[in-house]
Amino acid sequence: MERFKRLENDSKHFIDTVKMIAYHTEADIIPNKIVTIRIHHMANQSENITLKYLNDELNGTETLFPKTNMKMRCKLVS
């Protein structure tokens, strides 16, 4: 039972992190079939370092925007 409680807490933390990132996000659709997701810098440097790592990992997956053939690219902007 403790394992599931820990998973619940981890899942909530992950979802809260995604919400925080989404609050700082804008998306641009570029004519060459790329959706650029621009994420604005966070409040502190450690969050920006984490975001850069997440962006690099997500960009490496070459994920397609849902229901399209457009690639998604994440980019940290000022």
C-alpha atoms as a PDB file:
ATOM      1  CA  MET A   1       0.000   0.000   0.000  1.00  0.00           C
ATOM      2  CA  GLU A   2       2.898   2.386   0.751  1.00  0.00           C
ATOM      3  CA  ARG A   3       4.180   1.864  -2.797  1.00  0.00           C
ATOM      4  CA  PHE A   4       0.908   3.107  -4.267  1.00  0.00           C
ATOM      5  CA  LYS A   5       0.832   6.080  -1.904  1.00  0.00           C
ATOM      6  CA  ARG A   6       4.336   7.038  -3.049  1.00  0.00           C
ATOM      7  CA  LEU A   7       3.274   6.685  -6.701  1.00  0.00           C
ATOM      8  CA  GLU A   8       0.276   8.914  -6.008  1.00  0.00           C
ATOM      9  CA  ASN A   9       2.551  11.601  -4.558  1.00  0.00           C
ATOM     10  CA  ASP A  10       5.069  11.262  -7.405  1.00  0.00           C
ATOM     11  CA  SER A  11       2.281  11.491  -9.986  1.00  0.00           C
ATOM     12  CA  LYS A  12       0.836  14.590  -8.321  1.00  0.00           C
ATOM     13  CA  HIS A  13       4.275  16.220  -8.245  1.00  0.00           C
ATOM     14  CA  PHE A  14       4.800  15.429 -11.943  1.00  0.00           C
ATOM     15  CA  ILE A  15       1.381  16.821 -12.903  1.00  0.00           C
ATOM     16  CA  ASP A  16       2.005  19.952 -10.819  1.00  0.00           C
ATOM     17  CA  THR A  17       5.342  20.420 -12.623  1.00  0.00           C
ATOM     18  CA  VAL A  18       3.672  20.077 -16.034  1.00  0.00           C
ATOM     19  CA  LYS A  19       1.051  22.656 -14.998  1.00  0.00           C
ATOM     20  CA  MET A  20       3.774  25.069 -13.864  1.00  0.00           C
ATOM     21  CA  ILE A  21       5.590  24.674 -17.195  1.00  0.00           C
ATOM     22  CA  ALA A  22       2.351  25.103 -19.161  1.00  0.00           C
ATOM     23  CA  TYR A  23       1.720  28.404 -17.400  1.00  0.00           C
ATOM     24  CA  HIS A  24       4.990  29.706 -18.886  1.00  0.00           C
ATOM     25  CA  THR A  25       4.413  28.319 -22.386  1.00  0.00           C
ATOM     26  CA  GLU A  26       3.462  29.636 -25.825  1.00  0.00           C
ATOM     27  CA  ALA A  27       3.322  27.679 -29.075  1.00  0.00           C
ATOM     28  CA  ASP A  28       4.188  28.772 -32.602  1.00  0.00           C
ATOM     29  CA  ILE A  29       3.299  26.845 -35.732  1.00  0.00           C
ATOM     30  CA  ILE A  30       6.022  27.277 -38.317  1.00  0.00           C
ATOM     31  CA  PRO A  31       5.245  26.714 -42.016  1.00  0.00           C
ATOM     32  CA  ASN A  32       7.845  23.934 -42.313  1.00  0.00           C
ATOM     33  CA  LYS A  33       5.617  21.645 -40.262  1.00  0.00           C
ATOM     34  CA  ILE A  34       7.211  22.230 -36.872  1.00  0.00           C
ATOM     35  CA  VAL A  35       5.336  23.261 -33.739  1.00  0.00           C
ATOM     36  CA  THR A  36       7.730  25.223 -31.554  1.00  0.00           C
ATOM     37  CA  ILE A  37       6.734  25.257 -27.915  1.00  0.00           C
ATOM     38  CA  ARG A  38       8.389  28.266 -26.318  1.00  0.00           C
ATOM     39  CA  ILE A  39       8.779  27.985 -22.560  1.00  0.00           C
ATOM     40  CA  HIS A  40       9.637  31.171 -20.708  1.00  0.00           C
ATOM     41  CA  HIS A  41      12.374  31.138 -18.079  1.00  0.00           C
ATOM     42  CA  MET A  42      11.340  30.115 -14.579  1.00  0.00           C
ATOM     43  CA  ALA A  43      11.953  31.920 -11.301  1.00  0.00           C
ATOM     44  CA  ASN A  44      15.331  30.380 -10.533  1.00  0.00           C
ATOM     45  CA  GLN A  45      18.323  28.914 -12.330  1.00  0.00           C
ATOM     46  CA  SER A  46      17.856  25.334 -11.081  1.00  0.00           C
ATOM     47  CA  GLU A  47      14.387  25.222 -12.661  1.00  0.00           C
ATOM     48  CA  ASN A  48      15.840  26.531 -15.937  1.00  0.00           C
ATOM     49  CA  ILE A  49      18.529  23.827 -15.902  1.00  0.00           C
ATOM     50  CA  THR A  50      15.840  21.184 -15.365  1.00  0.00           C
ATOM     51  CA  LEU A  51      13.741  22.638 -18.189  1.00  0.00           C
ATOM     52  CA  LYS A  52      16.694  22.615 -20.561  1.00  0.00           C
ATOM     53  CA  TYR A  53      17.277  18.929 -19.764  1.00  0.00           C
ATOM     54  CA  LEU A  54      13.571  18.128 -20.291  1.00  0.00           C
ATOM     55  CA  ASN A  55      13.539  20.087 -23.571  1.00  0.00           C
ATOM     56  CA  ASP A  56      16.585  18.203 -24.850  1.00  0.00           C
ATOM     57  CA  GLU A  57      15.022  14.861 -23.920  1.00  0.00           C
ATOM     58  CA  LEU A  58      11.648  15.705 -25.475  1.00  0.00           C
ATOM     59  CA  ASN A  59      13.222  17.088 -28.649  1.00  0.00           C
ATOM     60  CA  GLY A  60      15.246  13.876 -28.969  1.00  0.00           C
ATOM     61  CA  THR A  61      12.044  11.822 -29.163  1.00  0.00           C
ATOM     62  CA  GLU A  62      10.912  13.612 -32.356  1.00  0.00           C
ATOM     63  CA  THR A  63       7.341  13.548 -31.052  1.00  0.00           C
ATOM     64  CA  LEU A  64       4.581  14.538 -33.460  1.00  0.00           C
ATOM     65  CA  PHE A  65       1.955  17.045 -32.427  1.00  0.00           C
ATOM     66  CA  PRO A  66      -1.278  15.100 -31.767  1.00  0.00           C
ATOM     67  CA  LYS A  67      -3.338  14.283 -34.874  1.00  0.00           C
ATOM     68  CA  THR A  68      -0.812  15.945 -37.230  1.00  0.00           C
ATOM     69  CA  ASN A  69       2.482  15.196 -38.967  1.00  0.00           C
ATOM     70  CA  MET A  70       4.129  18.239 -37.385  1.00  0.00           C
ATOM     71  CA  LYS A  71       7.158  17.695 -35.159  1.00  0.00           C
ATOM     72  CA  MET A  72       7.167  19.335 -31.747  1.00  0.00           C
ATOM     73  CA  ARG A  73      10.231  21.294 -30.622  1.00  0.00           C
ATOM     74  CA  CYS A  74      10.612  22.737 -27.132  1.00  0.00           C
ATOM     75  CA  LYS A  75      12.672  25.885 -26.670  1.00  0.00           C
ATOM     76  CA  LEU A  76      13.541  27.891 -23.554  1.00  0.00           C
ATOM     77  CA  VAL A  77      13.135  31.630 -24.212  1.00  0.00           C
ATOM     78  CA  SER A  78      13.471  34.822 -22.172  1.00  0.00           C
END
